[in-house]
Amino acid sequence: MIFLISVSIAQAQCDNRIDYSQVPVGDRIIPFVVELDTNLSIQFPAPGQNQRFCYRLTGVGQDNSTFVDLSHWVLSICPNIRLDQITNVTVTIGGVEQTVIIGDNVELFVPPNTDPPTGCSGLKFDFELNKVLDGEDSVGVFCFELTSPFPIGPVVVCLNGGQETASSLSICGPACSETEVCEVIASQLVNVCVPITVTPFADTGTVTTVCCGDPVVNGGDCVGEINGTCEFTVSQLICVQVPVNFGANAAPGATFVQCRDATDGECVCPDENGNGGDGG
């Protein structure tokens, strides 16, 4: 089977800076400027290097009821990006690195799942920022890396604050490729065996003492073993029921590519005999 594969990191036209302070949401404004920090980012990684995106959010509003603080924000990255492809997530507020907990204050919502307050899918950063640029808590730097590089293109930035959501502007980020993806389903029969070790246990309940007759008071020494113990056995036939669930996870390995001749113009696939396309 022959695949025509385009291997490159393309970049569509997009903006490295957007300004939500000029975008009213009803009668409120979420006054934040969002910038892709190109100095901290690695948009076009070298072989073996992760792709890195760093975004700087800055509050530029005024201290009145029209402007609202940032509650959290969502970057609508390509929905093909899996959580296991996202690594080295860091958040710095006012120059102080924050504790990042994946699945808690940083979450990935893959369509059709969305962040409930904003209705946006993508990478959510649940960190508050001050709306007024008069303190350290009004500037945040949010970085993450991708183990597999993605094309650069416009991705929507969703801001949430004061029970309002702004989602009309896009910034440069990891977007989906516009090239066609050829999908194939492969299967393999696998015999799975797992050893089960059963370790029985017996716990004693509350010990109860029953007095047999009245106590006897005698003079002289006690009869028996000093600090002795008495032993007896109790046996019980038990049946142990062990539920076992079998399944499998699949992970792709390295991609092997056979390069054919390059031509100008649109793609032309070869016929069933392998003729045409790239002249082969």
C-alpha atoms as a PDB file:
ATOM      1  CA  MET A   1       0.000   0.000   0.000  1.00  0.00           C
ATOM      2  CA  ILE A   2       1.370   3.395  -0.959  1.00  0.00           C
ATOM      3  CA  PHE A   3       0.642   6.566   1.023  1.00  0.00           C
ATOM      4  CA  LEU A   4       1.282  10.093  -0.203  1.00  0.00           C
ATOM      5  CA  ILE A   5       2.531  11.914   2.899  1.00  0.00           C
ATOM      6  CA  SER A   6       3.430  15.567   3.349  1.00  0.00           C
ATOM      7  CA  VAL A   7       6.050  15.900   6.134  1.00  0.00           C
ATOM      8  CA  SER A   8       6.458  19.549   7.161  1.00  0.00           C
ATOM      9  CA  ILE A   9       5.398  22.060   9.769  1.00  0.00           C
ATOM     10  CA  ALA A  10       3.320  24.576   7.881  1.00  0.00           C
ATOM     11  CA  GLN A  11       2.193  27.971   9.132  1.00  0.00           C
ATOM     12  CA  ALA A  12      -1.048  29.619   8.146  1.00  0.00           C
ATOM     13  CA  GLN A  13      -1.568  33.350   8.501  1.00  0.00           C
ATOM     14  CA  CYS A  14      -2.295  34.232  12.140  1.00  0.00           C
ATOM     15  CA  ASP A  15      -1.601  36.879  14.790  1.00  0.00           C
ATOM     16  CA  ASN A  16       0.947  36.678  17.608  1.00  0.00           C
ATOM     17  CA  ARG A  17      -0.916  39.309  19.635  1.00  0.00           C
ATOM     18  CA  ILE A  18      -4.628  39.897  20.298  1.00  0.00           C
ATOM     19  CA  ASP A  19      -6.334  42.509  22.494  1.00  0.00           C
ATOM     20  CA  TYR A  20      -9.624  41.666  24.206  1.00  0.00           C
ATOM     21  CA  SER A  21      -9.695  45.028  25.998  1.00  0.00           C
ATOM     22  CA  GLN A  22     -11.265  46.454  22.831  1.00  0.00           C
ATOM     23  CA  VAL A  23     -13.955  43.740  22.597  1.00  0.00           C
ATOM     24  CA  PRO A  24     -17.069  44.334  24.739  1.00  0.00           C
ATOM     25  CA  VAL A  25     -19.073  41.298  25.883  1.00  0.00           C
ATOM     26  CA  GLY A  26     -22.513  42.729  26.514  1.00  0.00           C
ATOM     27  CA  ASP A  27     -21.885  45.649  28.858  1.00  0.00           C
ATOM     28  CA  ARG A  28     -18.674  44.126  30.297  1.00  0.00           C
ATOM     29  CA  ILE A  29     -15.076  43.844  29.071  1.00  0.00           C
ATOM     30  CA  ILE A  30     -12.500  41.153  29.911  1.00  0.00           C
ATOM     31  CA  PRO A  31      -9.501  43.499  29.436  1.00  0.00           C
ATOM     32  CA  PHE A  32      -6.560  41.244  28.638  1.00  0.00           C
ATOM     33  CA  VAL A  33      -3.896  41.284  25.955  1.00  0.00           C
ATOM     34  CA  VAL A  34      -2.738  37.812  24.865  1.00  0.00           C
ATOM     35  CA  GLU A  35       0.660  37.427  23.198  1.00  0.00           C
ATOM     36  CA  LEU A  36       2.570  34.450  21.839  1.00  0.00           C
ATOM     37  CA  ASP A  37       6.053  34.924  23.312  1.00  0.00           C
ATOM     38  CA  THR A  38       8.207  34.005  20.322  1.00  0.00           C
ATOM     39  CA  ASN A  39      11.404  34.220  22.414  1.00  0.00           C
ATOM     40  CA  LEU A  40      10.248  31.534  24.847  1.00  0.00           C
ATOM     41  CA  SER A  41       8.407  29.463  22.229  1.00  0.00           C
ATOM     42  CA  ILE A  42       9.870  26.864  19.851  1.00  0.00           C
ATOM     43  CA  GLN A  43       7.423  26.844  16.952  1.00  0.00           C
ATOM     44  CA  PHE A  44       9.644  24.939  14.529  1.00  0.00           C
ATOM     45  CA  PRO A  45      11.597  22.380  16.596  1.00  0.00           C
ATOM     46  CA  ALA A  46      14.733  20.598  15.470  1.00  0.00           C
ATOM     47  CA  PRO A  47      14.686  16.779  15.230  1.00  0.00           C
ATOM     48  CA  GLY A  48      14.292  15.302  18.707  1.00  0.00           C
ATOM     49  CA  GLN A  49      13.126  18.629  20.155  1.00  0.00           C
ATOM     50  CA  ASN A  50       9.636  19.341  21.534  1.00  0.00           C
ATOM     51  CA  GLN A  51       7.444  22.029  20.035  1.00  0.00           C
ATOM     52  CA  ARG A  52       6.863  24.740  22.654  1.00  0.00           C
ATOM     53  CA  PHE A  53       4.236  27.471  23.017  1.00  0.00           C
ATOM     54  CA  CYS A  54       4.340  30.259  25.626  1.00  0.00           C
ATOM     55  CA  TYR A  55       1.530  32.795  25.980  1.00  0.00           C
ATOM     56  CA  ARG A  56       1.678  35.992  28.013  1.00  0.00           C
ATOM     57  CA  LEU A  57      -1.624  37.361  29.349  1.00  0.00           C
ATOM     58  CA  THR A  58      -1.639  40.920  30.701  1.00  0.00           C
ATOM     59  CA  GLY A  59      -4.493  42.795  32.402  1.00  0.00           C
ATOM     60  CA  VAL A  60      -4.868  46.299  30.928  1.00  0.00           C
ATOM     61  CA  GLY A  61      -8.278  47.331  32.299  1.00  0.00           C
ATOM     62  CA  GLN A  62      -9.447  49.929  34.776  1.00  0.00           C
ATOM     63  CA  ASP A  63     -10.649  49.558  38.344  1.00  0.00           C
ATOM     64  CA  ASN A  64     -14.383  49.883  37.671  1.00  0.00           C
ATOM     65  CA  SER A  65     -17.366  47.583  37.183  1.00  0.00           C
ATOM     66  CA  THR A  66     -17.160  47.616  33.377  1.00  0.00           C
ATOM     67  CA  PHE A  67     -13.931  45.635  33.458  1.00  0.00           C
ATOM     68  CA  VAL A  68     -13.757  42.147  35.036  1.00  0.00           C
ATOM     69  CA  ASP A  69     -10.909  39.994  36.348  1.00  0.00           C
ATOM     70  CA  LEU A  70      -9.887  36.858  34.463  1.00  0.00           C
ATOM     71  CA  SER A  71     -11.241  33.660  36.023  1.00  0.00           C
ATOM     72  CA  HIS A  72      -9.675  31.207  33.554  1.00  0.00           C
ATOM     73  CA  TRP A  73      -8.997  30.824  29.840  1.00  0.00           C
ATOM     74  CA  VAL A  74      -9.037  28.133  27.142  1.00  0.00           C
ATOM     75  CA  LEU A  75      -6.748  27.811  24.128  1.00  0.00           C
ATOM     76  CA  SER A  76      -8.645  25.929  21.403  1.00  0.00           C
ATOM     77  CA  ILE A  77      -5.752  23.815  20.151  1.00  0.00           C
ATOM     78  CA  CYS A  78      -6.157  21.197  17.419  1.00  0.00           C
ATOM     79  CA  PRO A  79      -8.616  18.546  18.673  1.00  0.00           C
ATOM     80  CA  ASN A  80      -6.299  15.811  17.349  1.00  0.00           C
ATOM     81  CA  ILE A  81      -3.812  16.580  20.131  1.00  0.00           C
ATOM     82  CA  ARG A  82      -3.936  13.958  22.890  1.00  0.00           C
ATOM     83  CA  LEU A  83      -3.230  14.611  26.544  1.00  0.00           C
ATOM     84  CA  ASP A  84      -0.201  12.290  26.457  1.00  0.00           C
ATOM     85  CA  GLN A  85       1.324  14.533  23.762  1.00  0.00           C
ATOM     86  CA  ILE A  86       1.243  17.564  26.092  1.00  0.00           C
ATOM     87  CA  THR A  87       4.163  17.882  28.510  1.00  0.00           C
ATOM     88  CA  ASN A  88       6.176  20.379  30.575  1.00  0.00           C
ATOM     89  CA  VAL A  89       3.204  22.611  31.377  1.00  0.00           C
ATOM     90  CA  THR A  90       4.268  25.654  33.428  1.00  0.00           C
ATOM     91  CA  VAL A  91       2.360  28.664  34.736  1.00  0.00           C
ATOM     92  CA  THR A  92       3.991  31.797  36.162  1.00  0.00           C
ATOM     93  CA  ILE A  93       1.931  34.571  37.775  1.00  0.00           C
ATOM     94  CA  GLY A  94       3.782  37.793  38.586  1.00  0.00           C
ATOM     95  CA  GLY A  95       7.101  36.014  38.177  1.00  0.00           C
ATOM     96  CA  VAL A  96       6.158  33.262  40.649  1.00  0.00           C
ATOM     97  CA  GLU A  97       5.849  29.718  39.281  1.00  0.00           C
ATOM     98  CA  GLN A  98       2.514  28.138  40.184  1.00  0.00           C
ATOM     99  CA  THR A  99       1.704  24.530  41.030  1.00  0.00           C
ATOM    100  CA  VAL A 100       0.272  22.837  37.933  1.00  0.00           C
ATOM    101  CA  ILE A 101      -2.050  19.861  38.445  1.00  0.00           C
ATOM    102  CA  ILE A 102      -3.078  18.150  35.206  1.00  0.00           C
ATOM    103  CA  GLY A 103      -6.768  17.297  35.361  1.00  0.00           C
ATOM    104  CA  ASP A 104      -7.391  19.987  37.977  1.00  0.00           C
ATOM    105  CA  ASN A 105      -6.147  23.509  37.212  1.00  0.00           C
ATOM    106  CA  VAL A 106      -4.990  22.451  33.721  1.00  0.00           C
ATOM    107  CA  GLU A 107      -7.437  20.345  31.679  1.00  0.00           C
ATOM    108  CA  LEU A 108      -7.831  19.195  28.080  1.00  0.00           C
ATOM    109  CA  PHE A 109     -11.342  19.251  26.596  1.00  0.00           C
ATOM    110  CA  VAL A 110     -11.548  17.290  23.326  1.00  0.00           C
ATOM    111  CA  PRO A 111     -14.686  17.829  21.185  1.00  0.00           C
ATOM    112  CA  PRO A 112     -17.513  17.216  21.714  1.00  0.00           C
ATOM    113  CA  ASN A 113     -16.496  17.903  25.342  1.00  0.00           C
ATOM    114  CA  THR A 114     -16.243  21.573  26.294  1.00  0.00           C
ATOM    115  CA  ASP A 115     -15.302  23.706  29.259  1.00  0.00           C
ATOM    116  CA  PRO A 116     -18.745  24.350  30.862  1.00  0.00           C
ATOM    117  CA  PRO A 117     -18.411  28.100  31.590  1.00  0.00           C
ATOM    118  CA  THR A 118     -17.027  29.065  28.151  1.00  0.00           C
ATOM    119  CA  GLY A 119     -18.402  26.331  25.894  1.00  0.00           C
ATOM    120  CA  CYS A 120     -14.919  26.076  24.334  1.00  0.00           C
ATOM    121  CA  SER A 121     -12.866  22.962  23.667  1.00  0.00           C
ATOM    122  CA  GLY A 122      -9.102  22.924  24.086  1.00  0.00           C
ATOM    123  CA  LEU A 123      -6.443  23.387  26.775  1.00  0.00           C
ATOM    124  CA  LYS A 124      -7.880  25.099  29.868  1.00  0.00           C
ATOM    125  CA  PHE A 125      -5.763  27.085  32.354  1.00  0.00           C
ATOM    126  CA  ASP A 126      -7.703  27.673  35.566  1.00  0.00           C
ATOM    127  CA  PHE A 127      -5.676  30.563  37.034  1.00  0.00           C
ATOM    128  CA  GLU A 128      -6.993  34.002  38.010  1.00  0.00           C
ATOM    129  CA  LEU A 129      -5.454  37.281  36.839  1.00  0.00           C
ATOM    130  CA  ASN A 130      -6.087  40.855  37.985  1.00  0.00           C
ATOM    131  CA  LYS A 131      -7.763  43.086  35.396  1.00  0.00           C
ATOM    132  CA  VAL A 132      -5.654  46.166  36.290  1.00  0.00           C
ATOM    133  CA  LEU A 133      -1.964  46.440  35.438  1.00  0.00           C
ATOM    134  CA  ASP A 134      -0.954  47.704  38.887  1.00  0.00           C
ATOM    135  CA  GLY A 135       0.362  44.573  40.552  1.00  0.00           C
ATOM    136  CA  GLU A 136       2.291  41.376  39.925  1.00  0.00           C
ATOM    137  CA  ASP A 137      -0.903  39.305  39.741  1.00  0.00           C
ATOM    138  CA  SER A 138      -1.983  40.943  36.474  1.00  0.00           C
ATOM    139  CA  VAL A 139       0.627  39.210  34.254  1.00  0.00           C
ATOM    140  CA  GLY A 140       0.702  35.478  33.618  1.00  0.00           C
ATOM    141  CA  VAL A 141       2.951  33.335  31.393  1.00  0.00           C
ATOM    142  CA  PHE A 142       1.492  29.974  30.317  1.00  0.00           C
ATOM    143  CA  CYS A 143       3.755  27.445  28.549  1.00  0.00           C
ATOM    144  CA  PHE A 144       3.374  23.880  27.301  1.00  0.00           C
ATOM    145  CA  GLU A 145       5.224  21.528  24.983  1.00  0.00           C
ATOM    146  CA  LEU A 146       4.072  19.009  22.378  1.00  0.00           C
ATOM    147  CA  THR A 147       5.986  15.781  21.825  1.00  0.00           C
ATOM    148  CA  SER A 148       4.773  15.778  18.201  1.00  0.00           C
ATOM    149  CA  PRO A 149       4.935  19.057  16.232  1.00  0.00           C
ATOM    150  CA  PHE A 150       1.746  20.496  14.756  1.00  0.00           C
ATOM    151  CA  PRO A 151       1.177  23.123  12.060  1.00  0.00           C
ATOM    152  CA  ILE A 152       0.980  26.757  13.218  1.00  0.00           C
ATOM    153  CA  GLY A 153      -2.343  28.454  12.567  1.00  0.00           C
ATOM    154  CA  PRO A 154      -5.100  30.556  14.129  1.00  0.00           C
ATOM    155  CA  VAL A 155      -6.610  29.017  17.289  1.00  0.00           C
ATOM    156  CA  VAL A 156      -9.401  30.625  19.279  1.00  0.00           C
ATOM    157  CA  VAL A 157      -8.640  32.153  22.685  1.00  0.00           C
ATOM    158  CA  CYS A 158     -11.589  31.951  25.117  1.00  0.00           C
ATOM    159  CA  LEU A 159     -11.461  34.221  28.174  1.00  0.00           C
ATOM    160  CA  ASN A 160     -13.841  33.864  31.122  1.00  0.00           C
ATOM    161  CA  GLY A 161     -14.475  36.399  33.866  1.00  0.00           C
ATOM    162  CA  GLY A 162     -17.397  37.930  35.731  1.00  0.00           C
ATOM    163  CA  GLN A 163     -19.652  35.141  34.349  1.00  0.00           C
ATOM    164  CA  GLU A 164     -18.888  36.421  30.833  1.00  0.00           C
ATOM    165  CA  THR A 165     -16.978  34.738  27.985  1.00  0.00           C
ATOM    166  CA  ALA A 166     -15.033  36.390  25.169  1.00  0.00           C
ATOM    167  CA  SER A 167     -14.188  34.057  22.283  1.00  0.00           C
ATOM    168  CA  SER A 168     -14.062  36.129  19.100  1.00  0.00           C
ATOM    169  CA  LEU A 169     -10.280  36.446  18.625  1.00  0.00           C
ATOM    170  CA  SER A 170      -7.660  33.927  17.457  1.00  0.00           C
ATOM    171  CA  ILE A 171      -3.899  33.718  17.958  1.00  0.00           C
ATOM    172  CA  CYS A 172      -1.093  31.628  16.460  1.00  0.00           C
ATOM    173  CA  GLY A 173      -1.010  28.175  18.016  1.00  0.00           C
ATOM    174  CA  PRO A 174      -0.972  24.412  17.330  1.00  0.00           C
ATOM    175  CA  ALA A 175      -3.607  23.947  14.633  1.00  0.00           C
ATOM    176  CA  CYS A 176      -4.704  20.949  12.602  1.00  0.00           C
ATOM    177  CA  SER A 177      -3.145  20.191   9.260  1.00  0.00           C
ATOM    178  CA  GLU A 178      -5.169  21.056   6.190  1.00  0.00           C
ATOM    179  CA  THR A 179      -3.756  18.020   4.351  1.00  0.00           C
ATOM    180  CA  GLU A 180      -5.883  14.905   4.025  1.00  0.00           C
ATOM    181  CA  VAL A 181      -5.293  12.187   6.622  1.00  0.00           C
ATOM    182  CA  CYS A 182      -5.424   8.583   5.413  1.00  0.00           C
ATOM    183  CA  GLU A 183      -6.927   6.407   8.136  1.00  0.00           C
ATOM    184  CA  VAL A 184      -6.609   2.629   8.366  1.00  0.00           C
ATOM    185  CA  ILE A 185      -7.788   0.185  11.022  1.00  0.00           C
ATOM    186  CA  ALA A 186      -5.475  -2.713  11.912  1.00  0.00           C
ATOM    187  CA  SER A 187      -6.193  -5.591  14.265  1.00  0.00           C
ATOM    188  CA  GLN A 188      -4.170  -8.354  15.924  1.00  0.00           C
ATOM    189  CA  LEU A 189      -5.218 -11.449  17.832  1.00  0.00           C
ATOM    190  CA  VAL A 190      -3.453 -11.472  21.215  1.00  0.00           C
ATOM    191  CA  ASN A 191      -3.505 -14.195  23.852  1.00  0.00           C
ATOM    192  CA  VAL A 192      -3.268 -12.520  27.257  1.00  0.00           C
ATOM    193  CA  CYS A 193      -2.302 -14.386  30.414  1.00  0.00           C
ATOM    194  CA  VAL A 194      -2.012 -12.870  33.856  1.00  0.00           C
ATOM    195  CA  PRO A 195      -0.938 -14.667  37.067  1.00  0.00           C
ATOM    196  CA  ILE A 196      -3.218 -14.182  40.083  1.00  0.00           C
ATOM    197  CA  THR A 197      -1.886 -14.554  43.623  1.00  0.00           C
ATOM    198  CA  VAL A 198      -4.479 -15.129  46.358  1.00  0.00           C
ATOM    199  CA  THR A 199      -3.389 -14.427  49.941  1.00  0.00           C
ATOM    200  CA  PRO A 200      -5.993 -15.501  52.520  1.00  0.00           C
ATOM    201  CA  PHE A 201      -6.381 -13.629  55.774  1.00  0.00           C
ATOM    202  CA  ALA A 202      -8.321 -14.054  59.004  1.00  0.00           C
ATOM    203  CA  ASP A 203      -9.185 -11.173  61.340  1.00  0.00           C
ATOM    204  CA  THR A 204     -10.416 -11.846  64.876  1.00  0.00           C
ATOM    205  CA  GLY A 205     -13.499 -10.045  66.058  1.00  0.00           C
ATOM    206  CA  THR A 206     -14.150  -8.624  69.515  1.00  0.00           C
ATOM    207  CA  VAL A 207     -12.975 -11.055  72.216  1.00  0.00           C
ATOM    208  CA  THR A 208     -15.718 -11.932  74.709  1.00  0.00           C
ATOM    209  CA  THR A 209     -15.042 -13.407  78.163  1.00  0.00           C
ATOM    210  CA  VAL A 210     -17.715 -15.500  79.939  1.00  0.00           C
ATOM    211  CA  CYS A 211     -17.312 -16.263  83.647  1.00  0.00           C
ATOM    212  CA  CYS A 212     -18.089 -19.906  84.479  1.00  0.00           C
ATOM    213  CA  GLY A 213     -19.291 -19.984  88.102  1.00  0.00           C
ATOM    214  CA  ASP A 214     -18.181 -17.807  90.987  1.00  0.00           C
ATOM    215  CA  PRO A 215     -14.564 -16.785  91.546  1.00  0.00           C
ATOM    216  CA  VAL A 216     -12.607 -18.967  94.007  1.00  0.00           C
ATOM    217  CA  VAL A 217     -10.273 -17.372  96.522  1.00  0.00           C
ATOM    218  CA  ASN A 218      -7.434 -19.665  97.709  1.00  0.00           C
ATOM    219  CA  GLY A 219      -4.309 -19.053  99.633  1.00  0.00           C
ATOM    220  CA  GLY A 220      -0.942 -20.079  98.265  1.00  0.00           C
ATOM    221  CA  ASP A 221       0.597 -20.085  94.799  1.00  0.00           C
ATOM    222  CA  CYS A 222      -1.206 -20.136  91.456  1.00  0.00           C
ATOM    223  CA  VAL A 223      -1.117 -23.330  89.470  1.00  0.00           C
ATOM    224  CA  GLY A 224      -0.055 -23.203  85.832  1.00  0.00           C
ATOM    225  CA  GLU A 225       2.566 -21.613  83.527  1.00  0.00           C
ATOM    226  CA  ILE A 226       3.744 -18.099  84.310  1.00  0.00           C
ATOM    227  CA  ASN A 227       2.636 -15.708  81.518  1.00  0.00           C
ATOM    228  CA  GLY A 228       1.513 -18.740  79.579  1.00  0.00           C
ATOM    229  CA  THR A 229      -0.808 -18.861  76.592  1.00  0.00           C
ATOM    230  CA  CYS A 230      -3.479 -21.231  75.412  1.00  0.00           C
ATOM    231  CA  GLU A 231      -3.825 -22.106  71.736  1.00  0.00           C
ATOM    232  CA  PHE A 232      -6.596 -23.592  69.680  1.00  0.00           C
ATOM    233  CA  THR A 233      -7.415 -23.588  65.971  1.00  0.00           C
ATOM    234  CA  VAL A 234     -10.448 -22.498  63.937  1.00  0.00           C
ATOM    235  CA  SER A 235     -10.770 -23.469  60.286  1.00  0.00           C
ATOM    236  CA  GLN A 236     -13.189 -22.254  57.616  1.00  0.00           C
ATOM    237  CA  LEU A 237     -13.583 -23.310  54.003  1.00  0.00           C
ATOM    238  CA  ILE A 238     -13.726 -20.185  51.781  1.00  0.00           C
ATOM    239  CA  CYS A 239     -14.210 -19.628  48.068  1.00  0.00           C
ATOM    240  CA  VAL A 240     -12.304 -16.692  46.548  1.00  0.00           C
ATOM    241  CA  GLN A 241     -13.910 -15.004  43.539  1.00  0.00           C
ATOM    242  CA  VAL A 242     -11.476 -12.845  41.505  1.00  0.00           C
ATOM    243  CA  PRO A 243     -12.835 -10.633  38.668  1.00  0.00           C
ATOM    244  CA  VAL A 244     -10.277  -9.995  35.895  1.00  0.00           C
ATOM    245  CA  ASN A 245     -10.805  -7.497  33.078  1.00  0.00           C
ATOM    246  CA  PHE A 246      -8.730  -7.976  29.928  1.00  0.00           C
ATOM    247  CA  GLY A 247      -8.040  -5.146  27.492  1.00  0.00           C
ATOM    248  CA  ALA A 248      -5.260  -3.506  25.536  1.00  0.00           C
ATOM    249  CA  ASN A 249      -3.784  -0.098  24.775  1.00  0.00           C
ATOM    250  CA  ALA A 250      -2.294   0.654  21.367  1.00  0.00           C
ATOM    251  CA  ALA A 251       0.531   3.117  20.764  1.00  0.00           C
ATOM    252  CA  PRO A 252       2.093   3.943  17.383  1.00  0.00           C
ATOM    253  CA  GLY A 253       5.822   3.526  16.950  1.00  0.00           C
ATOM    254  CA  ALA A 254       8.206   5.432  14.691  1.00  0.00           C
ATOM    255  CA  THR A 255       6.909   6.412  11.248  1.00  0.00           C
ATOM    256  CA  PHE A 256       8.727   4.862   8.272  1.00  0.00           C
ATOM    257  CA  VAL A 257       8.567   6.949   5.102  1.00  0.00           C
ATOM    258  CA  GLN A 258       9.436   5.979   1.517  1.00  0.00           C
ATOM    259  CA  CYS A 259      10.042   9.177  -0.453  1.00  0.00           C
ATOM    260  CA  ARG A 260       8.902   9.273  -4.066  1.00  0.00           C
ATOM    261  CA  ASP A 261       9.539  11.891  -6.745  1.00  0.00           C
ATOM    262  CA  ALA A 262       8.149  15.371  -6.065  1.00  0.00           C
ATOM    263  CA  THR A 263       6.093  17.249  -8.675  1.00  0.00           C
ATOM    264  CA  ASP A 264       4.438  20.639  -8.781  1.00  0.00           C
ATOM    265  CA  GLY A 265       0.685  21.052  -8.639  1.00  0.00           C
ATOM    266  CA  GLU A 266      -1.949  19.120  -6.755  1.00  0.00           C
ATOM    267  CA  CYS A 267      -1.595  15.526  -5.540  1.00  0.00           C
ATOM    268  CA  VAL A 268      -2.281  12.796  -8.134  1.00  0.00           C
ATOM    269  CA  CYS A 269      -2.599   9.305  -6.637  1.00  0.00           C
ATOM    270  CA  PRO A 270      -1.190   6.311  -8.552  1.00  0.00           C
ATOM    271  CA  ASP A 271      -3.539   3.735 -10.051  1.00  0.00           C
ATOM    272  CA  GLU A 272      -4.007   0.216  -8.677  1.00  0.00           C
ATOM    273  CA  ASN A 273      -0.896  -0.936 -10.551  1.00  0.00           C
ATOM    274  CA  GLY A 274       1.237   1.779  -8.957  1.00  0.00           C
ATOM    275  CA  ASN A 275       1.460   3.843 -12.160  1.00  0.00           C
ATOM    276  CA  GLY A 276       1.087   7.601 -12.272  1.00  0.00           C
ATOM    277  CA  GLY A 277       1.134   9.957  -9.355  1.00  0.00           C
ATOM    278  CA  ASP A 278       4.843  10.665  -8.953  1.00  0.00           C
ATOM    279  CA  GLY A 279       5.889   9.072 -12.208  1.00  0.00           C
ATOM    280  CA  GLY A 280       6.538   5.636 -10.634  1.00  0.00           C
END
